[in-house]
N, C-alpha and C. Protein backbone atom coordinates (compact mmCIF):
# COMPACT_ATOMS: atom_id res chain seq x y z
N MET A 1 11.27 -9.33 -1.79
CA MET A 1 10.82 -8.30 -2.72
C MET A 1 9.44 -7.78 -2.31
N LEU A 2 8.52 -8.68 -1.96
CA LEU A 2 7.17 -8.26 -1.61
C LEU A 2 7.15 -7.43 -0.34
N LEU A 3 7.96 -7.84 0.64
CA LEU A 3 7.99 -7.09 1.89
C LEU A 3 8.59 -5.72 1.66
N ARG A 4 9.61 -5.63 0.82
CA ARG A 4 10.20 -4.33 0.49
C ARG A 4 9.18 -3.46 -0.23
N GLY A 5 8.37 -4.06 -1.11
CA GLY A 5 7.32 -3.31 -1.79
C GLY A 5 6.28 -2.79 -0.82
N ALA A 6 5.94 -3.61 0.18
CA ALA A 6 4.99 -3.17 1.20
C ALA A 6 5.57 -2.01 2.00
N PHE A 7 6.87 -2.10 2.31
CA PHE A 7 7.54 -1.02 3.05
C PHE A 7 7.49 0.28 2.25
N LEU A 8 7.89 0.20 0.97
CA LEU A 8 7.88 1.41 0.13
C LEU A 8 6.47 1.97 -0.03
N PHE A 9 5.49 1.07 -0.21
CA PHE A 9 4.11 1.55 -0.31
C PHE A 9 3.69 2.24 0.99
N SER A 10 4.07 1.67 2.13
CA SER A 10 3.69 2.28 3.41
C SER A 10 4.26 3.68 3.51
N PHE A 11 5.50 3.85 3.12
CA PHE A 11 6.17 5.15 3.17
C PHE A 11 5.51 6.15 2.22
N LEU A 12 5.40 5.75 0.96
CA LEU A 12 4.84 6.66 -0.05
C LEU A 12 3.35 6.89 0.17
N GLY A 13 2.62 5.83 0.50
CA GLY A 13 1.18 5.96 0.72
C GLY A 13 0.87 6.87 1.89
N TYR A 14 1.60 6.69 2.98
CA TYR A 14 1.39 7.55 4.14
C TYR A 14 1.65 9.01 3.78
N HIS A 15 2.79 9.26 3.16
CA HIS A 15 3.13 10.65 2.82
C HIS A 15 2.13 11.26 1.84
N TRP A 16 1.69 10.47 0.86
CA TRP A 16 0.71 11.00 -0.09
C TRP A 16 -0.60 11.33 0.63
N LEU A 17 -1.05 10.46 1.51
CA LEU A 17 -2.28 10.72 2.26
C LEU A 17 -2.13 11.93 3.17
N GLU A 18 -0.97 12.11 3.77
CA GLU A 18 -0.73 13.28 4.63
C GLU A 18 -0.71 14.56 3.78
N ILE A 19 0.01 14.52 2.68
CA ILE A 19 0.15 15.70 1.81
C ILE A 19 -1.21 16.12 1.27
N THR A 20 -2.03 15.15 0.90
CA THR A 20 -3.35 15.45 0.34
C THR A 20 -4.44 15.56 1.41
N ARG A 21 -4.03 15.51 2.66
CA ARG A 21 -4.93 15.65 3.81
C ARG A 21 -6.05 14.59 3.82
N GLN A 22 -5.66 13.35 3.51
CA GLN A 22 -6.64 12.26 3.47
C GLN A 22 -6.29 11.13 4.43
N TRP A 23 -5.29 11.34 5.28
CA TRP A 23 -4.85 10.28 6.19
C TRP A 23 -5.98 9.76 7.06
N GLU A 24 -6.71 10.65 7.68
CA GLU A 24 -7.79 10.23 8.58
C GLU A 24 -8.81 9.34 7.86
N ALA A 25 -9.14 9.71 6.64
CA ALA A 25 -10.18 8.99 5.89
C ALA A 25 -9.71 7.64 5.36
N TYR A 26 -8.43 7.50 5.04
CA TYR A 26 -7.97 6.31 4.34
C TYR A 26 -6.88 5.52 5.06
N ARG A 27 -6.64 5.78 6.34
CA ARG A 27 -5.56 5.06 7.03
C ARG A 27 -5.83 3.57 7.15
N VAL A 28 -7.08 3.17 7.28
CA VAL A 28 -7.39 1.74 7.35
C VAL A 28 -7.15 1.08 5.99
N VAL A 29 -7.56 1.73 4.93
CA VAL A 29 -7.32 1.21 3.58
C VAL A 29 -5.82 1.11 3.33
N TRP A 30 -5.06 2.09 3.79
CA TRP A 30 -3.59 2.08 3.70
C TRP A 30 -3.04 0.81 4.34
N LEU A 31 -3.54 0.49 5.53
CA LEU A 31 -3.08 -0.70 6.24
C LEU A 31 -3.49 -1.98 5.51
N TRP A 32 -4.72 -2.01 4.99
CA TRP A 32 -5.17 -3.18 4.21
C TRP A 32 -4.24 -3.42 3.02
N LEU A 33 -3.94 -2.35 2.29
CA LEU A 33 -3.12 -2.48 1.09
C LEU A 33 -1.70 -2.94 1.43
N ILE A 34 -1.16 -2.44 2.52
CA ILE A 34 0.18 -2.91 2.94
C ILE A 34 0.16 -4.42 3.17
N ARG A 35 -0.85 -4.89 3.90
CA ARG A 35 -0.95 -6.33 4.19
C ARG A 35 -1.09 -7.12 2.89
N ASP A 36 -1.92 -6.62 1.97
CA ASP A 36 -2.11 -7.33 0.70
C ASP A 36 -0.83 -7.36 -0.13
N ILE A 37 -0.10 -6.26 -0.16
CA ILE A 37 1.15 -6.22 -0.92
C ILE A 37 2.16 -7.18 -0.30
N ALA A 38 2.27 -7.17 1.02
CA ALA A 38 3.24 -8.02 1.70
C ALA A 38 2.94 -9.51 1.50
N ASP A 39 1.67 -9.86 1.42
CA ASP A 39 1.28 -11.27 1.39
C ASP A 39 0.67 -11.73 0.07
N HIS A 40 0.80 -10.96 -0.98
CA HIS A 40 0.00 -11.30 -2.15
C HIS A 40 0.42 -12.58 -2.88
N HIS A 41 1.48 -13.21 -2.45
CA HIS A 41 1.83 -14.51 -3.02
C HIS A 41 1.61 -15.64 -2.01
N GLY A 42 0.94 -15.35 -0.92
CA GLY A 42 0.74 -16.38 0.08
C GLY A 42 -0.48 -16.09 0.94
N LYS A 43 -0.55 -16.78 2.05
CA LYS A 43 -1.66 -16.63 2.97
C LYS A 43 -1.59 -15.25 3.63
N LEU A 44 -2.74 -14.58 3.72
CA LEU A 44 -2.78 -13.28 4.38
C LEU A 44 -2.54 -13.46 5.88
N LYS A 45 -1.63 -12.66 6.39
CA LYS A 45 -1.35 -12.69 7.83
C LYS A 45 -2.27 -11.72 8.54
N LYS A 46 -2.17 -11.68 9.85
CA LYS A 46 -2.99 -10.76 10.63
C LYS A 46 -2.63 -9.33 10.27
N LEU A 47 -3.62 -8.49 10.32
CA LEU A 47 -3.44 -7.10 9.93
C LEU A 47 -2.33 -6.42 10.73
N GLN A 48 -2.21 -6.76 12.00
CA GLN A 48 -1.21 -6.11 12.84
C GLN A 48 0.20 -6.68 12.66
N ASP A 49 0.36 -7.71 11.85
CA ASP A 49 1.68 -8.29 11.59
C ASP A 49 2.48 -7.30 10.74
N ASP A 50 3.55 -6.78 11.31
CA ASP A 50 4.34 -5.78 10.59
C ASP A 50 5.70 -6.35 10.15
N ASN A 51 5.68 -7.60 9.69
CA ASN A 51 6.92 -8.25 9.24
C ASN A 51 7.58 -7.52 8.08
N TRP A 52 6.87 -6.68 7.38
CA TRP A 52 7.40 -5.91 6.27
C TRP A 52 8.18 -4.68 6.75
N LEU A 53 8.00 -4.32 8.02
CA LEU A 53 8.63 -3.13 8.58
C LEU A 53 10.01 -3.50 9.11
N GLN A 54 11.00 -3.45 8.23
CA GLN A 54 12.35 -3.85 8.58
C GLN A 54 13.36 -3.11 7.70
N TRP A 55 14.61 -3.24 8.07
CA TRP A 55 15.69 -2.63 7.30
C TRP A 55 15.92 -3.45 6.03
N TYR A 56 16.04 -2.76 4.91
CA TYR A 56 16.39 -3.40 3.63
C TYR A 56 17.67 -2.74 3.13
N ASP A 57 18.32 -3.38 2.18
CA ASP A 57 19.55 -2.81 1.63
C ASP A 57 19.18 -1.77 0.57
N TRP A 58 18.84 -0.58 1.05
CA TRP A 58 18.38 0.49 0.14
C TRP A 58 19.47 0.95 -0.80
N GLY A 59 20.73 0.69 -0.46
CA GLY A 59 21.83 1.08 -1.33
C GLY A 59 21.82 0.36 -2.67
N LYS A 60 21.12 -0.76 -2.74
CA LYS A 60 21.03 -1.52 -3.99
C LYS A 60 19.93 -0.99 -4.92
N MET A 61 19.17 -0.02 -4.43
CA MET A 61 18.08 0.54 -5.24
C MET A 61 18.44 1.93 -5.71
N ASN A 62 17.93 2.30 -6.86
CA ASN A 62 18.16 3.63 -7.41
C ASN A 62 17.12 4.59 -6.80
N LEU A 63 17.31 4.95 -5.54
CA LEU A 63 16.36 5.82 -4.86
C LEU A 63 16.27 7.19 -5.52
N THR A 64 17.39 7.68 -6.06
CA THR A 64 17.38 8.97 -6.75
C THR A 64 16.48 8.90 -7.98
N GLY A 65 16.60 7.84 -8.75
CA GLY A 65 15.77 7.66 -9.95
C GLY A 65 14.31 7.48 -9.61
N ILE A 66 14.03 6.68 -8.58
CA ILE A 66 12.64 6.46 -8.15
C ILE A 66 12.04 7.78 -7.68
N SER A 67 12.81 8.53 -6.90
CA SER A 67 12.34 9.81 -6.38
C SER A 67 12.06 10.79 -7.53
N ARG A 68 12.95 10.83 -8.50
CA ARG A 68 12.76 11.73 -9.67
C ARG A 68 11.50 11.33 -10.45
N PHE A 69 11.32 10.02 -10.66
CA PHE A 69 10.13 9.54 -11.36
C PHE A 69 8.86 9.98 -10.63
N LEU A 70 8.84 9.77 -9.31
CA LEU A 70 7.66 10.13 -8.52
C LEU A 70 7.39 11.63 -8.60
N LYS A 71 8.43 12.43 -8.48
CA LYS A 71 8.26 13.89 -8.53
C LYS A 71 7.80 14.35 -9.90
N ASP A 72 8.25 13.67 -10.95
CA ASP A 72 7.83 14.01 -12.32
C ASP A 72 6.36 13.67 -12.57
N HIS A 73 5.87 12.60 -11.94
CA HIS A 73 4.51 12.12 -12.19
C HIS A 73 3.49 12.48 -11.12
N TYR A 74 3.96 12.79 -9.94
CA TYR A 74 3.08 13.12 -8.82
C TYR A 74 3.56 14.40 -8.15
N PRO A 75 2.97 15.53 -8.53
CA PRO A 75 3.42 16.81 -7.96
C PRO A 75 3.35 16.83 -6.43
N GLU A 76 2.48 16.00 -5.86
CA GLU A 76 2.37 15.95 -4.39
C GLU A 76 3.71 15.56 -3.74
N PHE A 77 4.55 14.84 -4.47
CA PHE A 77 5.82 14.37 -3.92
C PHE A 77 6.98 15.34 -4.18
N SER A 78 6.68 16.53 -4.67
CA SER A 78 7.75 17.45 -5.05
C SER A 78 8.69 17.79 -3.89
N ARG A 79 8.20 17.75 -2.66
CA ARG A 79 9.06 18.08 -1.50
C ARG A 79 9.39 16.86 -0.65
N LEU A 80 9.04 15.68 -1.12
CA LEU A 80 9.33 14.47 -0.35
C LEU A 80 10.72 13.94 -0.71
N ASP A 81 11.55 13.77 0.28
CA ASP A 81 12.87 13.19 0.06
C ASP A 81 12.80 11.69 0.30
N MET A 82 13.12 10.94 -0.73
CA MET A 82 13.17 9.49 -0.58
C MET A 82 14.65 9.10 -0.64
N THR A 83 15.24 9.07 0.52
CA THR A 83 16.66 8.76 0.67
C THR A 83 16.80 7.60 1.65
N ILE A 84 17.99 7.09 1.75
CA ILE A 84 18.23 6.03 2.72
C ILE A 84 17.89 6.53 4.12
N ASP A 85 18.28 7.76 4.43
CA ASP A 85 17.99 8.32 5.76
C ASP A 85 16.49 8.46 6.01
N SER A 86 15.74 8.92 4.99
CA SER A 86 14.30 9.08 5.20
C SER A 86 13.61 7.73 5.37
N LEU A 87 14.11 6.69 4.71
CA LEU A 87 13.53 5.35 4.86
C LEU A 87 13.89 4.77 6.23
N ILE A 88 15.09 5.05 6.71
CA ILE A 88 15.46 4.60 8.05
C ILE A 88 14.59 5.33 9.08
N ASP A 89 14.39 6.63 8.90
CA ASP A 89 13.52 7.40 9.79
C ASP A 89 12.10 6.82 9.80
N TRP A 90 11.64 6.37 8.63
CA TRP A 90 10.29 5.81 8.53
C TRP A 90 10.13 4.59 9.43
N LEU A 91 11.20 3.82 9.62
CA LEU A 91 11.15 2.67 10.54
C LEU A 91 10.68 3.10 11.93
N ASN A 92 11.10 4.28 12.36
CA ASN A 92 10.74 4.78 13.69
C ASN A 92 9.35 5.39 13.73
N VAL A 93 8.90 5.94 12.63
CA VAL A 93 7.62 6.64 12.58
C VAL A 93 6.46 5.69 12.24
N ALA A 94 6.73 4.69 11.42
CA ALA A 94 5.67 3.82 10.90
C ALA A 94 4.91 3.10 12.01
N ASP A 95 5.60 2.70 13.06
CA ASP A 95 4.91 2.02 14.17
C ASP A 95 3.76 2.84 14.71
N GLU A 96 3.99 4.16 14.87
CA GLU A 96 2.94 5.05 15.37
C GLU A 96 1.77 5.12 14.40
N GLN A 97 2.07 5.15 13.11
CA GLN A 97 1.02 5.26 12.10
C GLN A 97 0.20 3.97 12.02
N ILE A 98 0.88 2.84 12.16
CA ILE A 98 0.17 1.55 12.18
C ILE A 98 -0.75 1.49 13.39
N GLU A 99 -0.23 1.90 14.53
CA GLU A 99 -1.04 1.90 15.74
C GLU A 99 -2.26 2.81 15.60
N GLU A 100 -2.04 3.98 14.99
CA GLU A 100 -3.15 4.90 14.77
C GLU A 100 -4.21 4.28 13.85
N ALA A 101 -3.76 3.61 12.79
CA ALA A 101 -4.70 2.96 11.88
C ALA A 101 -5.42 1.81 12.58
N MET A 102 -4.69 1.06 13.41
CA MET A 102 -5.30 -0.06 14.13
C MET A 102 -6.32 0.41 15.17
N ASP A 103 -6.15 1.62 15.67
CA ASP A 103 -7.08 2.18 16.65
C ASP A 103 -8.33 2.77 16.02
N ASP A 104 -8.35 2.84 14.69
CA ASP A 104 -9.51 3.40 13.99
C ASP A 104 -10.74 2.56 14.30
N PRO A 105 -11.87 3.20 14.61
CA PRO A 105 -13.08 2.42 14.92
C PRO A 105 -13.50 1.50 13.77
N ASP A 106 -13.16 1.84 12.53
CA ASP A 106 -13.53 1.00 11.38
C ASP A 106 -12.77 -0.31 11.34
N ILE A 107 -11.70 -0.44 12.09
CA ILE A 107 -10.91 -1.66 12.06
C ILE A 107 -11.43 -2.69 13.05
N GLY A 108 -12.28 -2.27 13.96
CA GLY A 108 -12.74 -3.14 15.03
C GLY A 108 -13.69 -4.22 14.58
N PHE A 109 -13.17 -5.25 13.91
CA PHE A 109 -14.00 -6.32 13.37
C PHE A 109 -14.85 -6.98 14.44
N GLY A 110 -14.33 -7.10 15.65
CA GLY A 110 -15.04 -7.80 16.71
C GLY A 110 -16.32 -7.12 17.16
N GLN A 111 -16.42 -5.80 17.02
CA GLN A 111 -17.60 -5.08 17.49
C GLN A 111 -18.67 -4.92 16.41
N LYS A 112 -18.40 -5.37 15.23
CA LYS A 112 -19.35 -5.16 14.13
C LYS A 112 -20.43 -6.23 14.11
N ARG A 113 -21.61 -5.82 13.65
CA ARG A 113 -22.65 -6.81 13.40
C ARG A 113 -22.24 -7.63 12.19
N ASP A 114 -22.82 -8.81 12.06
CA ASP A 114 -22.42 -9.73 10.98
C ASP A 114 -22.46 -9.08 9.60
N PHE A 115 -23.56 -8.39 9.29
CA PHE A 115 -23.69 -7.79 7.96
C PHE A 115 -22.63 -6.70 7.76
N ASP A 116 -22.43 -5.87 8.76
CA ASP A 116 -21.42 -4.80 8.66
C ASP A 116 -20.02 -5.39 8.48
N LEU A 117 -19.74 -6.45 9.23
CA LEU A 117 -18.45 -7.11 9.12
C LEU A 117 -18.27 -7.68 7.71
N MET A 118 -19.31 -8.31 7.19
CA MET A 118 -19.24 -8.88 5.85
C MET A 118 -18.95 -7.79 4.82
N MET A 119 -19.64 -6.66 4.93
CA MET A 119 -19.45 -5.56 3.98
C MET A 119 -18.03 -4.99 4.09
N HIS A 120 -17.53 -4.89 5.31
CA HIS A 120 -16.20 -4.38 5.57
C HIS A 120 -15.14 -5.30 4.94
N LEU A 121 -15.26 -6.58 5.21
CA LEU A 121 -14.31 -7.55 4.67
C LEU A 121 -14.42 -7.67 3.15
N GLN A 122 -15.64 -7.54 2.65
CA GLN A 122 -15.84 -7.60 1.20
C GLN A 122 -15.14 -6.43 0.50
N ALA A 123 -15.19 -5.25 1.11
CA ALA A 123 -14.50 -4.09 0.54
C ALA A 123 -13.00 -4.36 0.49
N TRP A 124 -12.45 -4.94 1.55
CA TRP A 124 -11.02 -5.26 1.58
C TRP A 124 -10.68 -6.27 0.49
N ARG A 125 -11.50 -7.34 0.37
CA ARG A 125 -11.21 -8.36 -0.64
C ARG A 125 -11.36 -7.82 -2.05
N ALA A 126 -12.24 -6.84 -2.26
CA ALA A 126 -12.37 -6.22 -3.58
C ALA A 126 -11.08 -5.48 -3.93
N LEU A 127 -10.47 -4.81 -2.96
CA LEU A 127 -9.18 -4.16 -3.20
C LEU A 127 -8.12 -5.19 -3.55
N THR A 128 -8.09 -6.28 -2.79
CA THR A 128 -7.12 -7.33 -3.05
C THR A 128 -7.29 -7.89 -4.46
N THR A 129 -8.52 -8.15 -4.84
CA THR A 129 -8.81 -8.70 -6.16
C THR A 129 -8.36 -7.74 -7.25
N ALA A 130 -8.59 -6.45 -7.06
CA ALA A 130 -8.16 -5.46 -8.05
C ALA A 130 -6.64 -5.45 -8.19
N LEU A 131 -5.93 -5.56 -7.08
CA LEU A 131 -4.46 -5.59 -7.15
C LEU A 131 -3.97 -6.84 -7.88
N ILE A 132 -4.56 -7.98 -7.57
CA ILE A 132 -4.15 -9.23 -8.21
C ILE A 132 -4.45 -9.19 -9.70
N ALA A 133 -5.63 -8.71 -10.06
CA ALA A 133 -6.00 -8.63 -11.47
C ALA A 133 -5.05 -7.71 -12.22
N ARG A 134 -4.72 -6.58 -11.64
CA ARG A 134 -3.81 -5.64 -12.30
C ARG A 134 -2.43 -6.27 -12.45
N ASP A 135 -2.00 -6.99 -11.44
CA ASP A 135 -0.70 -7.66 -11.49
C ASP A 135 -0.69 -8.67 -12.63
N ARG A 136 -1.76 -9.44 -12.79
CA ARG A 136 -1.82 -10.45 -13.84
C ARG A 136 -1.86 -9.81 -15.23
N PHE A 137 -2.62 -8.74 -15.39
CA PHE A 137 -2.68 -8.07 -16.69
C PHE A 137 -1.33 -7.46 -17.04
N ASP A 138 -0.59 -7.02 -16.03
CA ASP A 138 0.70 -6.40 -16.27
C ASP A 138 1.77 -7.43 -16.60
N VAL A 139 1.67 -8.61 -16.02
CA VAL A 139 2.69 -9.64 -16.20
C VAL A 139 2.63 -10.27 -17.58
N LYS A 140 1.45 -10.55 -18.05
CA LYS A 140 1.31 -11.26 -19.32
C LYS A 140 0.16 -10.69 -20.13
N ASP A 141 0.42 -10.50 -21.39
CA ASP A 141 -0.61 -10.05 -22.31
C ASP A 141 -1.72 -11.10 -22.33
N THR A 142 -2.93 -10.65 -22.10
CA THR A 142 -4.05 -11.59 -22.04
C THR A 142 -4.49 -12.05 -23.43
N GLY A 143 -4.05 -11.35 -24.43
CA GLY A 143 -4.38 -11.77 -25.79
C GLY A 143 -5.84 -11.58 -26.16
N THR A 144 -6.57 -10.82 -25.38
CA THR A 144 -7.97 -10.60 -25.70
C THR A 144 -8.10 -9.45 -26.68
N ASN A 145 -9.14 -9.50 -27.47
CA ASN A 145 -9.43 -8.36 -28.35
C ASN A 145 -10.76 -7.72 -27.99
N TRP A 146 -11.37 -8.17 -26.92
CA TRP A 146 -12.64 -7.59 -26.50
C TRP A 146 -12.44 -6.40 -25.57
N LEU A 147 -11.19 -6.13 -25.14
CA LEU A 147 -10.87 -4.92 -24.38
C LEU A 147 -9.88 -4.10 -25.19
N ASP A 148 -10.24 -2.86 -25.47
CA ASP A 148 -9.26 -2.01 -26.16
C ASP A 148 -8.16 -1.62 -25.17
N GLU A 149 -7.04 -1.11 -25.70
CA GLU A 149 -5.88 -0.83 -24.87
C GLU A 149 -6.18 0.19 -23.75
N MET A 150 -6.97 1.20 -24.04
CA MET A 150 -7.31 2.23 -23.05
C MET A 150 -8.11 1.62 -21.89
N THR A 151 -9.07 0.78 -22.22
CA THR A 151 -9.88 0.11 -21.18
C THR A 151 -9.01 -0.82 -20.36
N MET A 152 -8.08 -1.54 -21.01
CA MET A 152 -7.20 -2.45 -20.32
C MET A 152 -6.34 -1.68 -19.30
N GLU A 153 -5.83 -0.53 -19.69
CA GLU A 153 -5.01 0.27 -18.78
C GLU A 153 -5.80 0.73 -17.57
N LYS A 154 -7.07 1.10 -17.78
CA LYS A 154 -7.91 1.53 -16.65
C LYS A 154 -8.11 0.39 -15.70
């Protein structure tokens, strides 16, 4: 399930960044989030590990319903087809996008000074923490009354 979620995020995230002309600026963050989604119940693997990039049984998912939901809530996806064929095509295209993100100068952990590396990794871990926190708040009501519902949603 997690790997399939990472695959879907990679597909939708890439297309959203392309449609909104933000791919260049956020391709490294895109890659970080894919890794976090794929591994969020276990040890984080290497960033270049693309074990999530595989064929899934898309026929078992309501792709038409998911696509309709996305188009209703995100106008950017109005022309994006999320079909079995488009997901299979993504298998061939995603490798190039991963390579492009991995070639980004911001990903080069080895060339960074210690402080820069720390700041870079800290930004990634902050994203991970936000995803985990949101997942926990979504799974179970925290029962707190010190956060109103609107603040909790944010």
